[in-house]
């Protein structure tokens, strides 16, 4: 095993790790060019490599793409990848007040910590975690989505009612198109391009990016406060914030690893759940959504931990945990690597070299990410608004079109963007709407499938409320809903003590 681990440190594998991190980060930072697209576009380049080297390159690309989404999320309020949705909640407010350099450094440190936790979990806990992931059925996914929807209460700025209405708007958008179960056509209004539903990435770009472009044009002031000269990476401040948020980082990384191991869940769900728990457990929850550093730490550690977590069912069971994992699984088959329970016995050399390479790639993300982030920050600051606004608009249009090569996605993106700007003017935040869009499909599919299975077994109550994992998630839901009521009393008791 030691020789297999050391094989990851050959010059070629180190070079592939560096190149993969840089390429993935750049692609992930561009709105619309997701981690899935980064892996898909660059996978053919690995076909001539040895299997272990190819896996290291693909793992580095995937890791870099998930991390790269934080750049545009923090600097222009547009998540480069869906995993960076929650990063916009506090990252962009930090940038607006002149703390973009600190936010980027925090995102980098959190990404490295979360990535290391996920990779170590892959190394040590792959078989048992894969068994837990396999035990998740439709009902468990439904309750997991409901847990994510409880975040609406946390994301509602000012008015809880408006937050709930926004969440319902998002769920309605998620219902557009042909139903996953049953095939019913809903809310298409005769438009053939909507039969496949509203693309989630196109909706995210529209709801987050178009309002930013409109505000850039509408307001004469600077788009971002200039940071004080000489502050650099602000590493001392960032490390102090990391020390204060040690439990937050550990909890968020664990959430990311576990959610990443669930097939089809992904980094967006992990980051949203981690953000909700960070806000609920904070003694100052009112700071979240206004530029709280702990919010950035929670989101970035969780979504990067899904990389290692997603490889657990991919390698152990042959079931991809995330869409990029599905592409990587196909690439492994091309290289003759057969995933499954016997992988660790029959091709252990390749697996252990890859695991070590994933750890190396995550560590390399620290210096490379800081350098790329500093360059991106200076570029955004230096570009005048007259060039920045049309450039962002062009990037969003090209990125949206590149998702599926569909003009309909571009139209949907623009329509939702204008609607998001109008709703924002009326006091409706984009975050609850996006939450409904992301979790709506998971929630509906899990509920309908669970209802059909429970009805066939004539045990609906037992299906939804009698399974151990479902009961555990329900307990977490109850705890998170009651925590805002109980938290003030707990903090008051501690203060008195």
Protein backbone atom coordinates (compact mmCIF):
# COMPACT_ATOMS: atom_id res chain seq x y z
CA UNK A 1 0.00 0.00 0.00
CA UNK A 2 2.86 2.40 0.82
CA UNK A 3 4.35 2.04 -2.66
CA UNK A 4 0.91 2.65 -4.19
CA UNK A 5 0.49 5.81 -2.12
CA UNK A 6 3.97 7.08 -3.05
CA UNK A 7 3.16 6.57 -6.75
CA UNK A 8 0.96 9.67 -6.54
CA UNK A 9 4.08 11.80 -5.97
CA UNK A 10 5.78 11.07 -9.29
CA UNK A 11 6.54 14.18 -11.38
CA UNK A 12 3.91 13.26 -13.97
CA UNK A 13 1.13 12.75 -11.43
CA UNK A 14 2.03 15.96 -9.59
CA UNK A 15 1.97 17.86 -12.89
CA UNK A 16 -1.42 16.36 -13.73
CA UNK A 17 -2.73 17.37 -10.31
CA UNK A 18 -1.54 20.97 -10.78
CA UNK A 19 -2.93 21.19 -14.31
CA UNK A 20 -6.23 19.64 -13.26
CA UNK A 21 -6.69 22.04 -10.35
CA UNK A 22 -5.94 25.10 -12.51
CA UNK A 23 -8.11 23.99 -15.44
CA UNK A 24 -11.00 22.96 -13.20
CA UNK A 25 -10.84 26.17 -11.17
CA UNK A 26 -10.93 28.38 -14.27
CA UNK A 27 -13.85 26.48 -15.81
CA UNK A 28 -15.74 26.35 -12.51
CA UNK A 29 -15.36 30.11 -12.07
CA UNK A 30 -17.24 30.83 -15.31
CA UNK A 31 -21.03 31.02 -14.82
CA UNK A 32 -22.78 28.14 -16.56
CA UNK A 33 -19.66 26.01 -17.02
CA UNK A 34 -20.32 23.54 -14.21
CA UNK A 35 -18.06 20.92 -12.65
CA UNK A 36 -19.87 18.30 -14.72
CA UNK A 37 -19.00 20.20 -17.89
CA UNK A 38 -15.38 20.64 -16.80
CA UNK A 39 -14.96 16.90 -16.25
CA UNK A 40 -16.83 16.01 -19.45
CA UNK A 41 -14.82 18.37 -21.67
CA UNK A 42 -11.43 17.32 -20.31
CA UNK A 43 -12.07 13.58 -19.91
CA UNK A 44 -10.95 12.65 -23.47
CA UNK A 45 -7.49 14.05 -22.68
CA UNK A 46 -7.01 11.26 -20.13
CA UNK A 47 -7.68 8.32 -22.44
CA UNK A 48 -4.00 7.95 -23.37
CA UNK A 49 -2.85 7.95 -19.73
CA UNK A 50 -2.33 5.14 -17.28
CA UNK A 51 -5.50 4.44 -15.23
CA UNK A 52 -4.10 5.81 -11.95
CA UNK A 53 -2.81 9.00 -13.61
CA UNK A 54 -6.12 9.48 -15.41
CA UNK A 55 -8.03 9.18 -12.14
CA UNK A 56 -5.73 11.71 -10.46
CA UNK A 57 -6.26 14.17 -13.33
CA UNK A 58 -10.04 13.76 -13.28
CA UNK A 59 -10.18 14.04 -9.49
CA UNK A 60 -8.11 17.25 -9.63
CA UNK A 61 -10.35 18.74 -12.34
CA UNK A 62 -13.44 17.90 -10.30
CA UNK A 63 -11.93 19.33 -7.11
CA UNK A 64 -10.81 22.53 -8.84
CA UNK A 65 -14.18 23.07 -10.54
CA UNK A 66 -16.14 22.77 -7.30
CA UNK A 67 -13.77 25.25 -5.65
CA UNK A 68 -13.71 27.64 -8.64
CA UNK A 69 -17.42 28.34 -8.33
CA UNK A 70 -16.72 30.51 -5.29
CA UNK A 71 -14.90 33.18 -7.33
CA UNK A 72 -17.89 34.38 -9.31
CA UNK A 73 -20.18 33.72 -6.33
CA UNK A 74 -18.18 36.11 -4.16
CA UNK A 75 -17.14 38.70 -6.76
CA UNK A 76 -20.24 39.04 -8.98
CA UNK A 77 -22.96 37.27 -6.96
CA UNK A 78 -23.27 34.52 -9.56
CA UNK A 79 -22.50 30.94 -8.51
CA UNK A 80 -20.02 29.53 -11.01
CA UNK A 81 -21.38 26.07 -10.18
CA UNK A 82 -24.62 25.06 -8.43
CA UNK A 83 -22.52 24.00 -5.44
CA UNK A 84 -21.64 27.66 -4.82
CA UNK A 85 -25.25 28.86 -4.50
CA UNK A 86 -25.06 29.32 -0.75
CA UNK A 87 -21.65 31.01 -0.99
CA UNK A 88 -23.35 34.04 -2.56
CA UNK A 89 -25.42 34.61 0.60
CA UNK A 90 -22.48 35.99 2.59
CA UNK A 91 -19.60 36.04 0.11
CA UNK A 92 -21.00 38.78 -2.11
CA UNK A 93 -22.03 41.05 0.81
CA UNK A 94 -18.45 40.72 2.09
CA UNK A 95 -17.14 41.74 -1.33
CA UNK A 96 -19.50 44.73 -1.52
CA UNK A 97 -18.17 46.13 1.74
CA UNK A 98 -14.52 45.72 0.66
CA UNK A 99 -13.72 42.30 2.16
CA UNK A 100 -13.55 40.29 -1.06
CA UNK A 101 -9.91 39.40 -0.39
CA UNK A 102 -10.80 38.00 3.02
CA UNK A 103 -13.82 36.13 1.61
CA UNK A 104 -11.69 34.51 -1.10
CA UNK A 105 -9.05 33.44 1.43
CA UNK A 106 -11.72 32.01 3.74
CA UNK A 107 -13.27 30.13 0.81
CA UNK A 108 -9.87 28.71 -0.09
CA UNK A 109 -9.08 27.53 3.44
CA UNK A 110 -12.55 26.07 3.91
CA UNK A 111 -12.37 24.29 0.56
CA UNK A 112 -9.04 22.72 1.43
CA UNK A 113 -10.27 21.60 4.87
CA UNK A 114 -13.54 20.22 3.50
CA UNK A 115 -11.75 18.51 0.62
CA UNK A 116 -9.28 16.86 3.01
CA UNK A 117 -12.11 15.61 5.25
CA UNK A 118 -13.93 14.14 2.24
CA UNK A 119 -10.77 12.52 0.87
CA UNK A 120 -9.83 11.04 4.25
CA UNK A 121 -13.37 9.72 4.66
CA UNK A 122 -13.02 8.06 1.25
CA UNK A 123 -9.78 6.50 2.40
CA UNK A 124 -11.01 5.27 5.78
CA UNK A 125 -14.78 4.93 5.67
CA UNK A 126 -15.68 3.99 2.11
CA UNK A 127 -17.34 0.60 2.69
CA UNK A 128 -19.53 1.48 5.73
CA UNK A 129 -20.62 4.87 4.31
CA UNK A 130 -21.47 3.23 1.00
CA UNK A 131 -23.77 0.80 2.81
CA UNK A 132 -25.58 3.70 4.51
CA UNK A 133 -25.94 5.51 1.19
CA UNK A 134 -27.38 2.37 -0.37
CA UNK A 135 -30.03 2.24 2.38
CA UNK A 136 -31.48 5.58 1.24
CA UNK A 137 -34.74 5.16 -0.65
CA UNK A 138 -37.26 7.61 -2.17
CA UNK A 139 -38.77 8.48 1.22
CA UNK A 140 -35.38 9.29 2.72
CA UNK A 141 -34.61 11.61 -0.19
CA UNK A 142 -38.00 13.28 0.29
CA UNK A 143 -37.32 13.99 3.96
CA UNK A 144 -33.80 15.14 3.12
CA UNK A 145 -35.29 17.67 0.68
CA UNK A 146 -37.79 18.77 3.35
CA UNK A 147 -34.85 19.30 5.70
CA UNK A 148 -33.30 21.54 3.08
CA UNK A 149 -36.55 23.46 2.64
CA UNK A 150 -36.56 24.35 6.33
CA UNK A 151 -33.70 26.69 5.36
CA UNK A 152 -36.34 29.04 3.91
CA UNK A 153 -37.01 30.36 7.40
CA UNK A 154 -33.31 31.21 7.74
CA UNK A 155 -32.99 32.79 4.30
CA UNK A 156 -36.05 35.03 4.63
CA UNK A 157 -34.75 38.57 4.94
CA UNK A 158 -37.22 40.74 6.82
CA UNK A 159 -40.45 38.89 6.10
CA UNK A 160 -40.92 35.19 6.70
CA UNK A 161 -44.13 35.29 4.64
CA UNK A 162 -42.27 36.63 1.62
CA UNK A 163 -39.63 33.96 2.11
CA UNK A 164 -42.28 31.23 2.11
CA UNK A 165 -43.91 32.73 -0.98
CA UNK A 166 -40.50 32.80 -2.68
CA UNK A 167 -39.95 29.15 -1.79
CA UNK A 168 -43.32 28.27 -3.31
CA UNK A 169 -42.37 30.18 -6.47
CA UNK A 170 -39.20 28.09 -6.68
CA UNK A 171 -41.13 24.85 -6.19
CA UNK A 172 -43.52 25.93 -8.95
CA UNK A 173 -40.60 26.55 -11.31
CA UNK A 174 -39.28 23.08 -10.49
CA UNK A 175 -42.65 21.59 -11.51
CA UNK A 176 -42.50 22.96 -15.06
CA UNK A 177 -42.23 20.28 -17.75
CA UNK A 178 -42.90 16.57 -17.85
CA UNK A 179 -43.32 14.97 -14.43
CA UNK A 180 -40.53 12.59 -13.42
CA UNK A 181 -43.11 10.04 -12.25
CA UNK A 182 -46.24 9.64 -14.37
CA UNK A 183 -45.20 11.76 -17.36
CA UNK A 184 -47.83 14.50 -16.88
CA UNK A 185 -47.09 17.76 -18.73
CA UNK A 186 -47.33 20.81 -16.47
CA UNK A 187 -47.07 24.58 -16.90
CA UNK A 188 -45.47 24.47 -20.37
CA UNK A 189 -48.17 26.69 -21.98
CA UNK A 190 -47.64 24.90 -25.26
CA UNK A 191 -43.91 25.74 -25.43
CA UNK A 192 -42.03 22.66 -26.62
CA UNK A 193 -38.77 23.90 -25.10
CA UNK A 194 -40.26 23.62 -21.61
CA UNK A 195 -41.18 19.94 -21.90
CA UNK A 196 -37.84 19.00 -20.35
CA UNK A 197 -38.38 21.42 -17.49
CA UNK A 198 -36.43 24.49 -16.43
CA UNK A 199 -32.71 23.79 -16.35
CA UNK A 200 -31.52 24.36 -12.79
CA UNK A 201 -28.24 26.00 -13.80
CA UNK A 202 -30.01 28.36 -16.22
CA UNK A 203 -32.44 29.32 -13.45
CA UNK A 204 -29.58 29.97 -11.01
CA UNK A 205 -27.71 32.16 -13.48
CA UNK A 206 -30.84 34.16 -14.26
CA UNK A 207 -31.98 34.69 -10.68
CA UNK A 208 -28.54 35.61 -9.37
CA UNK A 209 -26.71 37.25 -12.26
CA UNK A 210 -29.22 39.32 -14.25
CA UNK A 211 -30.26 41.39 -11.19
CA UNK A 212 -26.57 42.15 -10.60
CA UNK A 213 -26.16 43.33 -14.20
CA UNK A 214 -29.25 45.54 -13.91
CA UNK A 215 -27.99 47.03 -10.63
CA UNK A 216 -24.57 47.70 -12.14
CA UNK A 217 -26.23 49.71 -14.90
CA UNK A 218 -28.79 51.42 -12.67
CA UNK A 219 -26.49 52.68 -9.92
CA UNK A 220 -23.74 55.23 -10.64
CA UNK A 221 -21.51 54.27 -7.70
CA UNK A 222 -18.62 51.81 -7.67
CA UNK A 223 -19.62 48.19 -8.04
CA UNK A 224 -17.33 47.09 -5.21
CA UNK A 225 -15.48 48.93 -2.48
CA UNK A 226 -11.75 49.10 -3.03
CA UNK A 227 -9.86 47.22 -0.32
CA UNK A 228 -7.23 49.05 1.67
CA UNK A 229 -3.84 48.82 0.03
CA UNK A 230 -1.36 46.34 1.40
CA UNK A 231 -3.85 43.95 3.01
CA UNK A 232 -2.94 41.12 0.63
CA UNK A 233 -4.50 37.77 1.37
CA UNK A 234 -5.34 38.71 4.97
CA UNK A 235 -4.24 35.26 6.04
CA UNK A 236 -3.93 36.14 9.74
CA UNK A 237 -7.56 37.31 9.87
CA UNK A 238 -8.71 34.27 7.92
CA UNK A 239 -6.87 31.82 10.18
CA UNK A 240 -8.33 33.51 13.25
CA UNK A 241 -11.81 33.11 11.75
CA UNK A 242 -11.07 29.46 10.99
CA UNK A 243 -10.02 28.85 14.60
CA UNK A 244 -13.24 30.47 15.85
CA UNK A 245 -15.27 28.34 13.47
CA UNK A 246 -13.59 24.99 14.12
CA UNK A 247 -16.82 23.22 15.07
CA UNK A 248 -18.62 24.86 12.16
CA UNK A 249 -15.99 23.56 9.73
CA UNK A 250 -16.04 20.05 11.20
CA UNK A 251 -19.84 19.84 11.11
CA UNK A 252 -20.10 21.28 7.60
CA UNK A 253 -17.39 18.96 6.25
CA UNK A 254 -19.15 15.96 7.78
CA UNK A 255 -22.45 17.07 6.23
CA UNK A 256 -20.77 17.48 2.85
CA UNK A 257 -19.14 14.07 3.02
CA UNK A 258 -22.38 12.32 3.95
CA UNK A 259 -24.58 14.17 1.45
CA UNK A 260 -21.97 13.63 -1.27
CA UNK A 261 -22.20 9.89 -0.65
CA UNK A 262 -25.94 9.99 -1.42
CA UNK A 263 -26.52 9.41 -5.13
CA UNK A 264 -28.01 12.47 -6.90
CA UNK A 265 -27.81 14.81 -3.87
CA UNK A 266 -24.73 16.89 -4.71
CA UNK A 267 -22.83 19.90 -3.42
CA UNK A 268 -25.69 22.39 -3.67
CA UNK A 269 -27.83 20.42 -1.20
CA UNK A 270 -24.85 19.87 1.11
CA UNK A 271 -23.91 23.56 1.15
CA UNK A 272 -27.49 24.67 1.82
CA UNK A 273 -27.91 22.25 4.72
CA UNK A 274 -24.51 23.21 6.17
CA UNK A 275 -25.37 26.90 5.87
CA UNK A 276 -28.68 26.35 7.64
CA UNK A 277 -27.01 24.54 10.52
CA UNK A 278 -24.27 27.17 10.79
CA UNK A 279 -26.85 29.93 11.01
CA UNK A 280 -29.08 28.12 13.49
CA UNK A 281 -26.20 27.26 15.82
CA UNK A 282 -24.67 30.73 15.73
CA UNK A 283 -25.12 33.07 18.72
CA UNK A 284 -25.48 35.92 16.17
CA UNK A 285 -27.68 34.48 13.40
CA UNK A 286 -28.75 37.97 12.31
CA UNK A 287 -25.28 38.48 10.79
CA UNK A 288 -25.81 35.72 8.25
CA UNK A 289 -26.85 36.96 4.84
CA UNK A 290 -25.10 40.28 5.49
CA UNK A 291 -21.50 39.16 5.13
CA UNK A 292 -20.85 36.62 7.89
CA UNK A 293 -17.46 34.89 7.42
CA UNK A 294 -18.79 31.74 9.09
CA UNK A 295 -21.38 31.43 6.33
CA UNK A 296 -18.64 31.28 3.70
CA UNK A 297 -16.72 28.71 5.74
CA UNK A 298 -19.77 26.47 6.12
CA UNK A 299 -20.72 26.52 2.44
CA UNK A 300 -17.27 26.02 0.95
CA UNK A 301 -16.19 23.27 3.35
CA UNK A 302 -19.43 21.36 2.72
CA UNK A 303 -19.46 21.53 -1.07
CA UNK A 304 -15.81 20.53 -1.38
CA UNK A 305 -16.28 17.63 1.04
CA UNK A 306 -18.83 16.19 -1.42
CA UNK A 307 -15.98 15.41 -3.83
CA UNK A 308 -14.50 12.71 -1.61
CA UNK A 309 -17.94 11.69 -0.37
CA UNK A 310 -19.22 11.27 -3.92
CA UNK A 311 -16.42 8.87 -4.77
CA UNK A 312 -17.51 6.50 -1.99
CA UNK A 313 -20.56 4.97 -3.73
CA UNK A 314 -18.86 5.44 -7.12
CA UNK A 315 -15.87 3.27 -6.27
CA UNK A 316 -17.41 0.86 -3.75
CA UNK A 317 -20.81 0.24 -5.38
CA UNK A 318 -20.42 1.51 -8.94
CA UNK A 319 -23.22 4.04 -8.27
CA UNK A 320 -22.19 7.65 -9.06
CA UNK A 321 -22.78 9.99 -6.13
CA UNK A 322 -22.85 13.15 -8.28
CA UNK A 323 -23.13 13.94 -12.03
CA UNK A 324 -19.35 14.44 -12.41
CA UNK A 325 -18.88 11.07 -10.74
CA UNK A 326 -21.03 9.51 -13.47
CA UNK A 327 -18.69 10.87 -16.15
CA UNK A 328 -15.63 9.75 -14.21
CA UNK A 329 -17.22 6.30 -13.81
CA UNK A 330 -17.54 6.09 -17.60
CA UNK A 331 -13.90 7.11 -18.01
CA UNK A 332 -12.84 4.41 -15.57
CA UNK A 333 -14.67 1.81 -17.63
CA UNK A 334 -12.75 2.97 -20.71
CA UNK A 335 -9.53 2.40 -18.77
CA UNK A 336 -10.63 -1.10 -17.77
CA UNK A 337 -11.25 -0.21 -14.11
CA UNK A 338 -14.32 -2.09 -12.86
CA UNK A 339 -15.79 -0.41 -9.82
CA UNK A 340 -17.66 -2.38 -7.19
CA UNK A 341 -17.11 -4.31 -3.98
CA UNK A 342 -14.09 -6.18 -5.39
CA UNK A 343 -12.27 -3.08 -6.59
CA UNK A 344 -10.19 -2.72 -3.43
CA UNK A 345 -8.98 -6.32 -3.74
CA UNK A 346 -8.50 -6.68 -7.50
CA UNK A 347 -7.16 -3.22 -8.44
CA UNK A 348 -6.05 -1.81 -5.11
CA UNK A 349 -2.88 -0.23 -6.56
CA UNK A 350 -4.91 2.09 -8.80
CA UNK A 351 -7.37 2.99 -6.03
CA UNK A 352 -4.79 3.84 -3.38
CA UNK A 353 -2.71 5.86 -5.83
CA UNK A 354 -5.84 7.81 -6.75
CA UNK A 355 -6.76 8.42 -3.10
CA UNK A 356 -3.29 9.77 -2.38
CA UNK A 357 -3.51 11.88 -5.54
CA UNK A 358 -6.84 13.33 -4.39
CA UNK A 359 -5.24 14.37 -1.10
CA UNK A 360 -2.30 15.92 -2.96
CA UNK A 361 -4.63 17.79 -5.33
CA UNK A 362 -6.60 19.17 -2.40
CA UNK A 363 -3.42 20.42 -0.71
CA UNK A 364 -2.21 21.98 -3.96
CA UNK A 365 -5.47 23.90 -4.10
CA UNK A 366 -4.24 26.07 -1.19
CA UNK A 367 -1.42 27.93 -2.99
CA UNK A 368 -2.93 27.69 -6.47
CA UNK A 369 -6.36 28.84 -5.30
CA UNK A 370 -4.94 31.82 -3.42
CA UNK A 371 -2.95 32.96 -6.47
CA UNK A 372 -5.88 32.56 -8.87
CA UNK A 373 -8.27 34.21 -6.41
CA UNK A 374 -5.98 37.21 -5.98
CA UNK A 375 -5.77 37.63 -9.76
CA UNK A 376 -9.54 37.35 -10.13
CA UNK A 377 -10.14 39.91 -7.36
CA UNK A 378 -7.78 42.46 -8.85
CA UNK A 379 -9.30 41.96 -12.29
CA UNK A 380 -12.86 42.52 -11.11
CA UNK A 381 -11.81 45.60 -9.13
CA UNK A 382 -9.88 47.10 -12.05
CA UNK A 383 -12.54 46.59 -14.72
CA UNK A 384 -14.81 49.65 -15.06
CA UNK A 385 -18.55 49.13 -14.81
CA UNK A 386 -19.02 50.10 -18.46
CA UNK A 387 -17.07 46.99 -19.44
CA UNK A 388 -17.95 44.75 -16.51
CA UNK A 389 -21.74 44.77 -17.01
CA UNK A 390 -21.75 43.73 -20.71
CA UNK A 391 -18.97 41.22 -20.06
CA UNK A 392 -20.95 39.53 -17.28
CA UNK A 393 -24.07 39.52 -19.46
CA UNK A 394 -22.14 37.96 -22.36
CA UNK A 395 -20.65 35.31 -20.04
CA UNK A 396 -24.08 34.42 -18.67
CA UNK A 397 -25.60 34.08 -22.14
CA UNK A 398 -22.71 31.97 -23.47
CA UNK A 399 -22.55 29.89 -20.30
CA UNK A 400 -26.29 29.24 -20.33
CA UNK A 401 -26.26 28.28 -24.00
CA UNK A 402 -23.30 25.94 -23.43
CA UNK A 403 -25.22 23.86 -20.89
CA UNK A 404 -27.38 22.06 -23.47
CA UNK A 405 -26.83 24.06 -26.65
CA UNK A 406 -30.38 25.38 -26.33
CA UNK A 407 -31.66 28.86 -27.10
CA UNK A 408 -34.68 28.09 -24.91
CA UNK A 409 -32.40 27.95 -21.86
CA UNK A 410 -31.12 31.44 -22.67
CA UNK A 411 -34.67 32.79 -22.94
CA UNK A 412 -35.66 31.12 -19.66
CA UNK A 413 -32.55 32.54 -17.98
CA UNK A 414 -33.33 36.08 -19.14
CA UNK A 415 -37.03 35.85 -18.20
CA UNK A 416 -36.26 34.50 -14.73
CA UNK A 417 -33.54 37.13 -14.32
CA UNK A 418 -35.92 40.00 -15.02
CA UNK A 419 -38.56 38.38 -12.79
CA UNK A 420 -35.94 37.95 -10.05
CA UNK A 421 -34.98 41.63 -10.28
CA UNK A 422 -38.63 42.72 -10.04
CA UNK A 423 -39.25 40.39 -7.10
CA UNK A 424 -36.12 41.74 -5.43
CA UNK A 425 -37.47 45.27 -5.76
CA UNK A 426 -40.64 44.05 -4.05
CA UNK A 427 -38.68 42.59 -1.13
CA UNK A 428 -38.50 38.94 -2.21
CA UNK A 429 -35.00 37.48 -1.80
CA UNK A 430 -33.62 35.21 -4.52
CA UNK A 431 -32.28 32.62 -2.07
CA UNK A 432 -35.65 31.00 -1.08
CA UNK A 433 -36.68 30.88 -4.75
CA UNK A 434 -33.45 29.13 -5.71
CA UNK A 435 -33.84 26.74 -2.79
CA UNK A 436 -37.24 25.68 -4.12
CA UNK A 437 -35.84 25.23 -7.64
CA UNK A 438 -32.95 23.04 -6.46
CA UNK A 439 -34.90 20.86 -4.03
CA UNK A 440 -38.25 20.74 -5.83
CA UNK A 441 -37.40 17.85 -8.15
CA UNK A 442 -35.80 15.76 -5.39
CA UNK A 443 -38.75 16.40 -3.08
CA UNK A 444 -41.42 15.58 -5.69
CA UNK A 445 -39.77 12.44 -6.99
CA UNK A 446 -39.15 11.06 -3.50
CA UNK A 447 -42.69 11.81 -2.34
CA UNK A 448 -44.46 10.35 -5.38
CA UNK A 449 -42.33 7.21 -5.44
CA UNK A 450 -42.73 6.74 -1.69
CA UNK A 451 -46.50 7.24 -1.99
CA UNK A 452 -46.77 4.67 -4.79
CA UNK A 453 -44.65 2.10 -2.96
CA UNK A 454 -46.47 2.68 0.33
CA UNK A 455 -49.83 2.45 -1.42
CA UNK A 456 -48.86 -0.83 -3.08
CA UNK A 457 -47.81 -2.19 0.32
CA UNK A 458 -50.91 -0.70 1.98
CA UNK A 459 -48.69 0.97 4.56
CA UNK A 460 -48.33 4.67 3.79
CA UNK A 461 -47.69 5.70 7.39
CA UNK A 462 -45.07 3.02 7.82
CA UNK A 463 -43.39 4.04 4.57
CA UNK A 464 -43.02 7.70 5.54
CA UNK A 465 -42.79 7.48 9.34
CA UNK A 466 -41.65 3.94 10.12
CA UNK A 467 -38.20 3.67 8.55
CA UNK A 468 -35.19 4.25 10.85
CA UNK A 469 -33.32 6.68 8.60
CA UNK A 470 -36.52 8.64 7.92
CA UNK A 471 -37.13 8.94 11.66
CA UNK A 472 -33.59 10.19 12.18
CA UNK A 473 -34.02 12.88 9.50
CA UNK A 474 -37.41 13.81 10.97
CA UNK A 475 -35.76 14.26 14.36
CA UNK A 476 -33.20 16.60 12.78
CA UNK A 477 -36.02 18.54 11.06
CA UNK A 478 -37.86 18.92 14.37
CA UNK A 479 -34.67 20.02 16.10
CA UNK A 480 -33.86 22.62 13.45
CA UNK A 481 -37.40 24.02 13.53
CA UNK A 482 -37.45 24.24 17.31
CA UNK A 483 -33.91 25.56 17.67
CA UNK A 484 -34.77 29.23 16.92
CA UNK A 485 -37.29 29.09 19.78
CA UNK A 486 -35.00 27.30 22.21
CA UNK A 487 -31.71 29.03 21.28
CA UNK A 488 -32.38 32.39 23.01
CA UNK A 489 -33.22 30.61 26.24
CA UNK A 490 -30.09 28.47 26.01
CA UNK A 491 -27.86 31.46 25.39
CA UNK A 492 -29.55 33.35 28.23
CA UNK A 493 -28.96 30.45 30.61
CA UNK A 494 -25.29 30.30 29.58
CA UNK A 495 -24.90 34.04 30.07
CA UNK A 496 -26.43 33.85 33.53
CA UNK A 497 -24.20 30.91 34.43
